[in-house]
N, C-alpha and C. Protein backbone atom coordinates (compact mmCIF):
# COMPACT_ATOMS: atom_id res chain seq x y z
N UNK A 1 13.91 41.13 12.79
CA UNK A 1 13.78 41.09 11.35
C UNK A 1 13.77 42.51 10.81
N UNK A 2 14.70 42.79 9.97
CA UNK A 2 14.77 44.11 9.37
C UNK A 2 14.01 44.18 8.05
N UNK A 3 13.93 43.08 7.35
CA UNK A 3 13.25 43.09 6.05
C UNK A 3 11.74 43.01 6.23
N UNK A 4 11.03 43.57 5.28
CA UNK A 4 9.58 43.42 5.27
C UNK A 4 9.25 42.02 4.78
N UNK A 5 7.99 41.65 4.92
CA UNK A 5 7.57 40.33 4.47
C UNK A 5 7.80 40.18 2.97
N UNK A 6 7.49 41.22 2.22
CA UNK A 6 7.67 41.17 0.77
C UNK A 6 9.12 41.03 0.36
N UNK A 7 10.00 41.77 1.04
CA UNK A 7 11.42 41.66 0.73
C UNK A 7 11.95 40.26 1.04
N UNK A 8 11.52 39.70 2.16
CA UNK A 8 11.95 38.34 2.51
C UNK A 8 11.43 37.33 1.50
N UNK A 9 10.20 37.51 1.04
CA UNK A 9 9.63 36.60 0.06
C UNK A 9 10.39 36.68 -1.27
N UNK A 10 10.75 37.88 -1.68
CA UNK A 10 11.50 38.04 -2.93
C UNK A 10 12.89 37.40 -2.79
N UNK A 11 13.56 37.64 -1.66
CA UNK A 11 14.89 37.05 -1.46
C UNK A 11 14.81 35.53 -1.39
N UNK A 12 13.78 34.99 -0.75
CA UNK A 12 13.63 33.53 -0.68
C UNK A 12 13.42 32.95 -2.08
N UNK A 13 12.54 33.57 -2.84
CA UNK A 13 12.25 33.10 -4.19
C UNK A 13 13.50 33.17 -5.06
N UNK A 14 14.21 34.29 -4.98
CA UNK A 14 15.44 34.45 -5.76
C UNK A 14 16.48 33.42 -5.35
N UNK A 15 16.63 33.17 -4.06
CA UNK A 15 17.61 32.20 -3.58
C UNK A 15 17.29 30.79 -4.05
N UNK A 16 16.02 30.41 -3.96
CA UNK A 16 15.64 29.07 -4.43
C UNK A 16 15.82 28.95 -5.94
N UNK A 17 15.48 29.99 -6.67
CA UNK A 17 15.64 29.96 -8.12
C UNK A 17 17.11 29.88 -8.50
N UNK A 18 17.94 30.66 -7.81
CA UNK A 18 19.37 30.65 -8.11
C UNK A 18 20.00 29.30 -7.74
N UNK A 19 19.60 28.73 -6.62
CA UNK A 19 20.12 27.41 -6.21
C UNK A 19 19.71 26.35 -7.23
N UNK A 20 18.49 26.42 -7.71
CA UNK A 20 18.02 25.47 -8.72
C UNK A 20 18.80 25.63 -10.02
N UNK A 21 19.01 26.88 -10.43
CA UNK A 21 19.77 27.15 -11.65
C UNK A 21 21.20 26.62 -11.51
N UNK A 22 21.83 26.90 -10.38
CA UNK A 22 23.20 26.43 -10.15
C UNK A 22 23.27 24.90 -10.17
N UNK A 23 22.28 24.26 -9.60
CA UNK A 23 22.26 22.80 -9.58
C UNK A 23 22.12 22.24 -11.00
N UNK A 24 21.20 22.81 -11.77
CA UNK A 24 21.00 22.32 -13.14
C UNK A 24 22.21 22.62 -14.03
N UNK A 25 22.85 23.74 -13.80
CA UNK A 25 23.96 24.16 -14.64
C UNK A 25 25.26 23.43 -14.30
N UNK A 26 25.58 23.31 -12.99
CA UNK A 26 26.90 22.81 -12.59
C UNK A 26 26.87 21.51 -11.80
N UNK A 27 25.69 21.08 -11.36
CA UNK A 27 25.53 19.84 -10.58
C UNK A 27 26.41 19.81 -9.33
N UNK A 28 26.58 20.96 -8.68
CA UNK A 28 27.35 21.03 -7.44
C UNK A 28 26.35 21.12 -6.28
N UNK A 29 26.08 19.98 -5.68
CA UNK A 29 25.08 19.90 -4.63
C UNK A 29 25.42 20.79 -3.43
N UNK A 30 26.68 20.80 -3.01
CA UNK A 30 27.05 21.58 -1.84
C UNK A 30 26.82 23.08 -2.06
N UNK A 31 27.18 23.57 -3.22
CA UNK A 31 26.99 24.99 -3.50
C UNK A 31 25.50 25.33 -3.56
N UNK A 32 24.73 24.46 -4.18
CA UNK A 32 23.29 24.69 -4.28
C UNK A 32 22.61 24.63 -2.91
N UNK A 33 23.06 23.73 -2.05
CA UNK A 33 22.52 23.66 -0.70
C UNK A 33 22.87 24.91 0.10
N UNK A 34 24.07 25.43 -0.09
CA UNK A 34 24.46 26.67 0.59
C UNK A 34 23.56 27.82 0.20
N UNK A 35 23.26 27.93 -1.10
CA UNK A 35 22.35 28.98 -1.57
C UNK A 35 20.92 28.74 -1.07
N UNK A 36 20.49 27.49 -1.12
CA UNK A 36 19.14 27.15 -0.69
C UNK A 36 18.92 27.39 0.79
N UNK A 37 19.97 27.23 1.60
CA UNK A 37 19.84 27.45 3.03
C UNK A 37 19.54 28.91 3.34
N UNK A 38 20.12 29.82 2.55
CA UNK A 38 19.78 31.23 2.70
C UNK A 38 18.31 31.46 2.36
N UNK A 39 17.82 30.77 1.32
CA UNK A 39 16.41 30.87 0.96
C UNK A 39 15.50 30.35 2.05
N UNK A 40 15.91 29.29 2.73
CA UNK A 40 15.12 28.75 3.84
C UNK A 40 15.01 29.78 4.96
N UNK A 41 16.11 30.49 5.23
CA UNK A 41 16.08 31.53 6.25
C UNK A 41 15.06 32.61 5.90
N UNK A 42 15.09 33.06 4.66
CA UNK A 42 14.16 34.11 4.26
C UNK A 42 12.71 33.60 4.25
N UNK A 43 12.50 32.36 3.84
CA UNK A 43 11.15 31.79 3.87
C UNK A 43 10.65 31.67 5.31
N UNK A 44 11.54 31.29 6.22
CA UNK A 44 11.18 31.23 7.64
C UNK A 44 10.78 32.60 8.15
N UNK A 45 11.48 33.62 7.72
CA UNK A 45 11.14 34.97 8.16
C UNK A 45 9.81 35.43 7.60
N UNK A 46 9.46 34.97 6.40
CA UNK A 46 8.13 35.31 5.86
C UNK A 46 7.06 34.74 6.78
N UNK A 47 7.21 33.48 7.19
CA UNK A 47 6.24 32.86 8.09
C UNK A 47 6.25 33.55 9.45
N UNK A 48 7.43 33.93 9.93
CA UNK A 48 7.52 34.59 11.23
C UNK A 48 6.79 35.93 11.25
N UNK A 49 6.69 36.58 10.11
CA UNK A 49 5.98 37.86 10.06
C UNK A 49 4.51 37.72 10.46
N UNK A 50 3.91 36.57 10.19
CA UNK A 50 2.50 36.36 10.55
C UNK A 50 2.31 36.26 12.06
N UNK A 51 3.33 35.82 12.77
CA UNK A 51 3.20 35.58 14.20
C UNK A 51 4.07 36.50 15.05
N UNK A 52 4.74 37.45 14.44
CA UNK A 52 5.67 38.31 15.18
C UNK A 52 4.92 39.27 16.10
N UNK A 53 5.50 39.49 17.25
CA UNK A 53 4.94 40.45 18.22
C UNK A 53 5.33 41.86 17.79
N UNK A 54 4.50 42.79 18.15
CA UNK A 54 4.79 44.18 17.80
C UNK A 54 4.35 45.11 18.91
N UNK A 55 4.81 46.36 18.86
CA UNK A 55 4.46 47.30 19.92
C UNK A 55 2.97 47.67 19.91
N UNK A 56 2.30 47.51 18.77
CA UNK A 56 0.89 47.89 18.71
C UNK A 56 0.00 47.01 19.59
N UNK A 57 0.41 45.76 19.85
CA UNK A 57 -0.38 44.89 20.73
C UNK A 57 0.37 44.63 22.04
N UNK A 58 1.34 45.52 22.36
CA UNK A 58 2.14 45.41 23.58
C UNK A 58 2.86 44.07 23.64
N UNK A 59 3.29 43.59 22.49
CA UNK A 59 4.07 42.35 22.36
C UNK A 59 3.33 41.14 22.93
N UNK A 60 2.03 41.11 22.77
CA UNK A 60 1.23 40.00 23.29
C UNK A 60 1.53 38.69 22.55
N UNK A 61 1.98 38.78 21.30
CA UNK A 61 2.27 37.56 20.54
C UNK A 61 3.48 36.80 21.10
N UNK A 62 4.21 37.41 22.02
CA UNK A 62 5.31 36.69 22.65
C UNK A 62 4.79 35.50 23.46
N UNK A 63 3.52 35.54 23.85
CA UNK A 63 2.91 34.43 24.58
C UNK A 63 2.45 33.30 23.65
N UNK A 64 2.42 33.58 22.36
CA UNK A 64 1.95 32.61 21.37
C UNK A 64 2.99 31.50 21.18
N UNK A 65 2.57 30.24 21.30
CA UNK A 65 3.49 29.11 21.18
C UNK A 65 4.07 29.01 19.77
N UNK A 66 3.30 29.38 18.75
CA UNK A 66 3.81 29.31 17.38
C UNK A 66 4.95 30.31 17.22
N UNK A 67 4.79 31.51 17.77
CA UNK A 67 5.85 32.51 17.74
C UNK A 67 7.11 31.96 18.41
N UNK A 68 6.95 31.35 19.56
CA UNK A 68 8.09 30.84 20.30
C UNK A 68 8.80 29.71 19.55
N UNK A 69 8.02 28.80 18.96
CA UNK A 69 8.62 27.69 18.22
C UNK A 69 9.29 28.15 16.94
N UNK A 70 8.69 29.14 16.25
CA UNK A 70 9.33 29.69 15.06
C UNK A 70 10.64 30.39 15.43
N UNK A 71 10.67 31.05 16.57
CA UNK A 71 11.90 31.69 17.03
C UNK A 71 12.96 30.64 17.35
N UNK A 72 12.56 29.56 18.01
CA UNK A 72 13.50 28.48 18.29
C UNK A 72 14.03 27.86 16.99
N UNK A 73 13.16 27.71 16.01
CA UNK A 73 13.58 27.19 14.71
C UNK A 73 14.56 28.16 14.05
N UNK A 74 14.32 29.45 14.20
CA UNK A 74 15.25 30.45 13.68
C UNK A 74 16.61 30.37 14.35
N UNK A 75 16.63 30.11 15.65
CA UNK A 75 17.89 29.97 16.38
C UNK A 75 18.65 28.74 15.87
N UNK A 76 17.95 27.64 15.67
CA UNK A 76 18.60 26.43 15.13
C UNK A 76 19.15 26.72 13.74
N UNK A 77 18.40 27.48 12.96
CA UNK A 77 18.88 27.85 11.62
C UNK A 77 20.18 28.65 11.72
N UNK A 78 20.22 29.60 12.65
CA UNK A 78 21.42 30.43 12.83
C UNK A 78 22.60 29.57 13.31
N UNK A 79 22.33 28.60 14.16
CA UNK A 79 23.39 27.74 14.68
C UNK A 79 24.08 26.99 13.54
N UNK A 80 23.32 26.56 12.55
CA UNK A 80 23.90 25.78 11.47
C UNK A 80 24.28 26.61 10.24
N UNK A 81 24.13 27.93 10.30
CA UNK A 81 24.53 28.78 9.17
C UNK A 81 26.00 28.63 8.81
N UNK A 82 26.92 28.63 9.78
CA UNK A 82 28.33 28.47 9.38
C UNK A 82 28.59 27.18 8.60
N UNK A 83 27.89 26.13 8.95
CA UNK A 83 28.04 24.86 8.24
C UNK A 83 27.68 25.01 6.77
N UNK A 84 26.55 25.63 6.50
CA UNK A 84 26.10 25.75 5.11
C UNK A 84 26.87 26.82 4.34
N UNK A 85 27.34 27.86 5.03
CA UNK A 85 28.19 28.84 4.37
C UNK A 85 29.51 28.17 3.98
N UNK A 86 30.05 27.40 4.91
CA UNK A 86 31.27 26.64 4.61
C UNK A 86 31.02 25.68 3.44
N UNK A 87 29.89 25.01 3.48
CA UNK A 87 29.56 24.06 2.42
C UNK A 87 29.51 24.76 1.06
N UNK A 88 28.86 25.91 1.03
CA UNK A 88 28.73 26.63 -0.24
C UNK A 88 30.04 27.20 -0.73
N UNK A 89 30.81 27.81 0.16
CA UNK A 89 32.06 28.45 -0.26
C UNK A 89 33.16 27.45 -0.56
N UNK A 90 33.27 26.44 0.26
CA UNK A 90 34.35 25.47 0.07
C UNK A 90 34.10 24.52 -1.09
N UNK A 91 32.87 24.43 -1.54
CA UNK A 91 32.57 23.50 -2.63
C UNK A 91 33.32 23.86 -3.90
N UNK A 92 33.63 25.12 -4.09
CA UNK A 92 34.34 25.53 -5.30
C UNK A 92 35.82 25.18 -5.24
N UNK A 93 36.41 25.29 -4.04
CA UNK A 93 37.85 25.12 -3.93
C UNK A 93 38.26 23.67 -3.75
N UNK A 94 37.39 22.87 -3.20
CA UNK A 94 37.79 21.50 -2.87
C UNK A 94 37.86 20.59 -4.09
N UNK A 95 37.40 21.06 -5.24
CA UNK A 95 37.39 20.21 -6.43
C UNK A 95 38.77 19.99 -7.03
N UNK A 96 39.68 20.95 -6.88
CA UNK A 96 40.90 20.93 -7.67
C UNK A 96 42.16 20.60 -6.89
N UNK A 97 42.14 20.78 -5.59
CA UNK A 97 43.36 20.66 -4.81
C UNK A 97 43.12 19.75 -3.62
N UNK A 98 44.01 18.79 -3.43
CA UNK A 98 43.86 17.85 -2.32
C UNK A 98 44.00 18.54 -0.98
N UNK A 99 44.93 19.48 -0.86
CA UNK A 99 45.10 20.20 0.40
C UNK A 99 43.85 21.01 0.73
N UNK A 100 43.26 21.65 -0.28
CA UNK A 100 42.03 22.42 -0.06
C UNK A 100 40.89 21.50 0.33
N UNK A 101 40.87 20.32 -0.23
CA UNK A 101 39.82 19.35 0.12
C UNK A 101 39.95 18.91 1.57
N UNK A 102 41.17 18.65 2.02
CA UNK A 102 41.39 18.24 3.41
C UNK A 102 41.02 19.38 4.35
N UNK A 103 41.44 20.59 4.04
CA UNK A 103 41.10 21.75 4.87
C UNK A 103 39.60 21.97 4.91
N UNK A 104 38.96 21.89 3.76
CA UNK A 104 37.51 22.11 3.70
C UNK A 104 36.76 21.06 4.51
N UNK A 105 37.21 19.81 4.42
CA UNK A 105 36.55 18.76 5.19
C UNK A 105 36.73 18.95 6.69
N UNK A 106 37.91 19.41 7.11
CA UNK A 106 38.15 19.68 8.52
C UNK A 106 37.26 20.83 9.00
N UNK A 107 37.21 21.91 8.24
CA UNK A 107 36.37 23.06 8.63
C UNK A 107 34.91 22.65 8.66
N UNK A 108 34.48 21.85 7.68
CA UNK A 108 33.11 21.36 7.64
C UNK A 108 32.79 20.55 8.90
N UNK A 109 33.70 19.67 9.28
CA UNK A 109 33.47 18.84 10.47
C UNK A 109 33.46 19.69 11.75
N UNK A 110 34.32 20.70 11.81
CA UNK A 110 34.31 21.59 12.98
C UNK A 110 33.00 22.38 13.06
N UNK A 111 32.51 22.85 11.92
CA UNK A 111 31.23 23.57 11.90
C UNK A 111 30.08 22.65 12.30
N UNK A 112 30.12 21.41 11.84
CA UNK A 112 29.08 20.44 12.19
C UNK A 112 29.11 20.14 13.69
N UNK A 113 30.31 19.92 14.23
CA UNK A 113 30.44 19.66 15.67
C UNK A 113 29.95 20.86 16.48
N UNK A 114 30.38 22.07 16.10
CA UNK A 114 29.97 23.27 16.83
C UNK A 114 28.45 23.47 16.75
N UNK A 115 27.87 23.19 15.59
CA UNK A 115 26.42 23.33 15.44
C UNK A 115 25.67 22.40 16.40
N UNK A 116 26.08 21.14 16.44
CA UNK A 116 25.42 20.21 17.36
C UNK A 116 25.70 20.57 18.82
N UNK A 117 26.90 21.07 19.08
CA UNK A 117 27.25 21.50 20.44
C UNK A 117 26.31 22.61 20.91
N UNK A 118 26.15 23.65 20.09
CA UNK A 118 25.28 24.76 20.46
C UNK A 118 23.81 24.35 20.49
N UNK A 119 23.40 23.47 19.59
CA UNK A 119 22.01 23.03 19.57
C UNK A 119 21.69 22.19 20.80
N UNK A 120 22.65 21.43 21.30
CA UNK A 120 22.41 20.55 22.45
C UNK A 120 22.53 21.28 23.78
N UNK A 121 23.11 22.45 23.80
CA UNK A 121 23.37 23.16 25.06
C UNK A 121 22.12 23.35 25.92
N UNK A 122 20.99 23.83 25.38
CA UNK A 122 19.82 24.02 26.27
C UNK A 122 19.35 22.72 26.92
N UNK A 123 19.44 21.61 26.20
CA UNK A 123 19.00 20.34 26.78
C UNK A 123 19.98 19.85 27.84
N UNK A 124 21.26 20.02 27.59
CA UNK A 124 22.27 19.61 28.57
C UNK A 124 22.10 20.41 29.85
N UNK A 125 21.92 21.72 29.71
CA UNK A 125 21.73 22.57 30.89
C UNK A 125 20.45 22.18 31.62
N UNK A 126 19.37 21.91 30.89
CA UNK A 126 18.11 21.53 31.52
C UNK A 126 18.18 20.20 32.22
N UNK A 127 18.82 19.23 31.59
CA UNK A 127 18.93 17.90 32.17
C UNK A 127 19.80 17.92 33.42
N UNK A 128 20.91 18.64 33.34
CA UNK A 128 21.84 18.65 34.45
C UNK A 128 21.50 19.69 35.51
N UNK A 129 20.53 20.56 35.23
CA UNK A 129 20.12 21.56 36.20
C UNK A 129 21.21 22.57 36.53
N UNK A 130 21.98 22.96 35.51
CA UNK A 130 23.12 23.84 35.75
C UNK A 130 22.82 25.29 35.37
N UNK A 131 21.59 25.65 35.21
CA UNK A 131 21.25 26.96 34.64
C UNK A 131 21.87 28.12 35.39
N UNK A 132 21.79 28.14 36.70
CA UNK A 132 22.29 29.27 37.47
C UNK A 132 23.79 29.21 37.73
N UNK A 133 24.43 28.07 37.48
CA UNK A 133 25.85 27.96 37.81
C UNK A 133 26.72 28.75 36.85
N UNK A 134 26.24 29.09 35.67
CA UNK A 134 27.06 29.82 34.71
C UNK A 134 26.99 31.33 34.90
N UNK A 135 26.13 31.81 35.77
CA UNK A 135 26.01 33.24 36.01
C UNK A 135 26.88 33.59 37.21
N UNK A 136 27.92 34.41 36.99
CA UNK A 136 28.82 34.72 38.12
C UNK A 136 28.15 35.63 39.13
N UNK A 137 28.62 35.56 40.34
CA UNK A 137 28.14 36.46 41.39
C UNK A 137 28.67 37.86 41.11
N UNK A 138 27.83 38.84 41.30
CA UNK A 138 28.22 40.22 41.02
C UNK A 138 29.12 40.76 42.13
N UNK A 139 30.21 41.37 41.73
CA UNK A 139 31.09 42.07 42.66
C UNK A 139 31.36 43.46 42.10
N UNK A 140 32.00 44.29 42.88
CA UNK A 140 32.29 45.64 42.39
C UNK A 140 33.29 45.60 41.24
N UNK A 141 34.25 44.69 41.32
CA UNK A 141 35.25 44.57 40.26
C UNK A 141 34.66 43.92 39.01
N UNK A 142 33.71 43.04 39.22
CA UNK A 142 33.11 42.30 38.11
C UNK A 142 31.59 42.36 38.24
N UNK A 143 30.96 43.40 37.67
CA UNK A 143 29.50 43.51 37.81
C UNK A 143 28.77 42.41 37.04
N UNK A 144 27.62 42.09 37.53
CA UNK A 144 26.80 41.07 36.88
C UNK A 144 26.02 41.71 35.73
N UNK A 145 25.97 41.05 34.64
CA UNK A 145 25.32 41.61 33.45
C UNK A 145 23.95 40.96 33.23
N UNK A 146 23.13 41.00 34.26
CA UNK A 146 21.79 40.42 34.15
C UNK A 146 20.92 41.18 33.15
N UNK A 147 21.26 42.45 32.87
CA UNK A 147 20.48 43.22 31.92
C UNK A 147 20.50 42.57 30.55
N UNK A 148 21.55 41.76 30.27
CA UNK A 148 21.56 41.04 28.99
C UNK A 148 20.42 40.02 28.95
N UNK A 149 20.19 39.34 30.07
CA UNK A 149 19.11 38.36 30.13
C UNK A 149 17.74 39.03 30.08
N UNK A 150 17.66 40.26 30.55
CA UNK A 150 16.39 40.98 30.56
C UNK A 150 16.02 41.51 29.18
N UNK A 151 16.94 41.44 28.23
CA UNK A 151 16.61 41.80 26.87
C UNK A 151 17.03 43.19 26.44
N UNK A 152 17.89 43.85 27.20
CA UNK A 152 18.33 45.19 26.78
C UNK A 152 19.23 45.08 25.56
N UNK A 153 18.91 45.84 24.53
CA UNK A 153 19.68 45.86 23.30
C UNK A 153 20.37 47.21 23.21
N UNK A 154 21.68 47.23 23.44
CA UNK A 154 22.42 48.48 23.47
C UNK A 154 22.46 49.16 22.11
N UNK A 155 22.50 48.38 21.03
CA UNK A 155 22.56 48.99 19.70
C UNK A 155 21.26 49.69 19.34
N UNK A 156 20.13 49.17 19.80
CA UNK A 156 18.84 49.80 19.54
C UNK A 156 18.43 50.74 20.66
N UNK A 157 19.13 50.67 21.80
CA UNK A 157 18.89 51.51 22.96
C UNK A 157 17.48 51.35 23.54
N UNK A 158 17.01 50.12 23.61
CA UNK A 158 15.74 49.84 24.27
C UNK A 158 15.72 48.39 24.75
N UNK A 159 14.82 48.11 25.68
CA UNK A 159 14.67 46.76 26.19
C UNK A 159 13.68 46.01 25.31
N UNK A 160 14.11 44.88 24.82
CA UNK A 160 13.26 44.07 23.95
C UNK A 160 12.17 43.39 24.78
N UNK A 161 11.14 42.90 24.15
CA UNK A 161 10.03 42.30 24.90
C UNK A 161 10.28 40.85 25.31
N UNK A 162 11.52 40.43 25.40
CA UNK A 162 11.81 39.05 25.77
C UNK A 162 11.30 38.74 27.16
N UNK A 163 10.71 37.58 27.30
CA UNK A 163 10.27 37.09 28.60
C UNK A 163 11.31 36.09 29.09
N UNK A 164 11.47 35.98 30.37
CA UNK A 164 12.47 35.07 30.90
C UNK A 164 12.14 33.64 30.52
N UNK A 165 13.12 32.94 29.98
CA UNK A 165 13.02 31.54 29.56
C UNK A 165 12.05 31.33 28.40
N UNK A 166 11.70 32.38 27.67
CA UNK A 166 10.78 32.26 26.54
C UNK A 166 11.38 33.02 25.36
N UNK A 167 11.47 32.36 24.23
CA UNK A 167 11.96 33.04 23.04
C UNK A 167 10.79 33.75 22.37
N UNK A 168 11.08 34.85 21.70
CA UNK A 168 10.03 35.65 21.07
C UNK A 168 10.58 36.34 19.83
N UNK A 169 9.82 36.28 18.76
CA UNK A 169 10.15 37.00 17.54
C UNK A 169 9.32 38.26 17.53
N UNK A 170 9.98 39.41 17.41
CA UNK A 170 9.24 40.66 17.42
C UNK A 170 9.75 41.57 16.31
N UNK A 171 8.90 42.46 15.90
CA UNK A 171 9.24 43.41 14.85
C UNK A 171 9.81 44.67 15.46
N UNK A 172 10.81 45.21 14.84
CA UNK A 172 11.33 46.51 15.24
C UNK A 172 11.91 47.17 14.00
N UNK A 173 12.01 48.44 14.08
CA UNK A 173 12.56 49.18 12.96
C UNK A 173 14.09 49.12 13.05
N UNK A 174 14.74 48.77 11.98
CA UNK A 174 16.19 48.78 11.95
C UNK A 174 16.65 50.22 11.92
N UNK A 175 17.58 50.51 12.77
CA UNK A 175 18.08 51.87 12.87
C UNK A 175 19.23 52.08 11.90
N UNK A 176 19.11 53.05 11.06
CA UNK A 176 20.18 53.39 10.14
C UNK A 176 20.90 54.60 10.73
N UNK A 177 22.19 54.46 10.94
CA UNK A 177 22.96 55.54 11.53
C UNK A 177 23.33 56.50 10.41
N UNK A 178 22.92 57.75 10.51
CA UNK A 178 23.24 58.71 9.44
C UNK A 178 24.72 59.05 9.46
N UNK A 179 25.29 59.35 8.28
CA UNK A 179 26.71 59.72 8.24
C UNK A 179 26.94 61.03 8.99
N UNK A 180 28.09 61.13 9.62
CA UNK A 180 28.39 62.34 10.40
C UNK A 180 29.46 63.17 9.74
């Protein structure tokens, strides 16, 4: 999370207000839901700030079940973001043109299918016991990238406090790259 709790609260409030205004003004449910979904993300981040792990407590909150469940909820939210972005953007174009309506409906269905596919993946892997089969054996030509599972973030240049098989929401400072 790069935003502070206050910034997330302001964005959530603004998103909900704008979605409500759009609904009252134009009665376009899909567009309003697309805007509202962004507000849900920011509201979720406000709640996550209360349970987020930080370096000051050596990321002890990663053991907290509420932190883990909020992180899982955030992942589900991210999985379905393309669906709601498609819903919001395509709602304007599908009103006037039959071809645009058919295209928008196809893209919407593909986003819905992909969302459920990604959401079901952890359960399918758990039920079928295939967890280790997707990790290739390391060779000199093809090294194993287990450091990804260990939580190394190359863009931030540090290892995140992720625990194996446990999701965790943690605070970090967003790095702004100065112009060169």
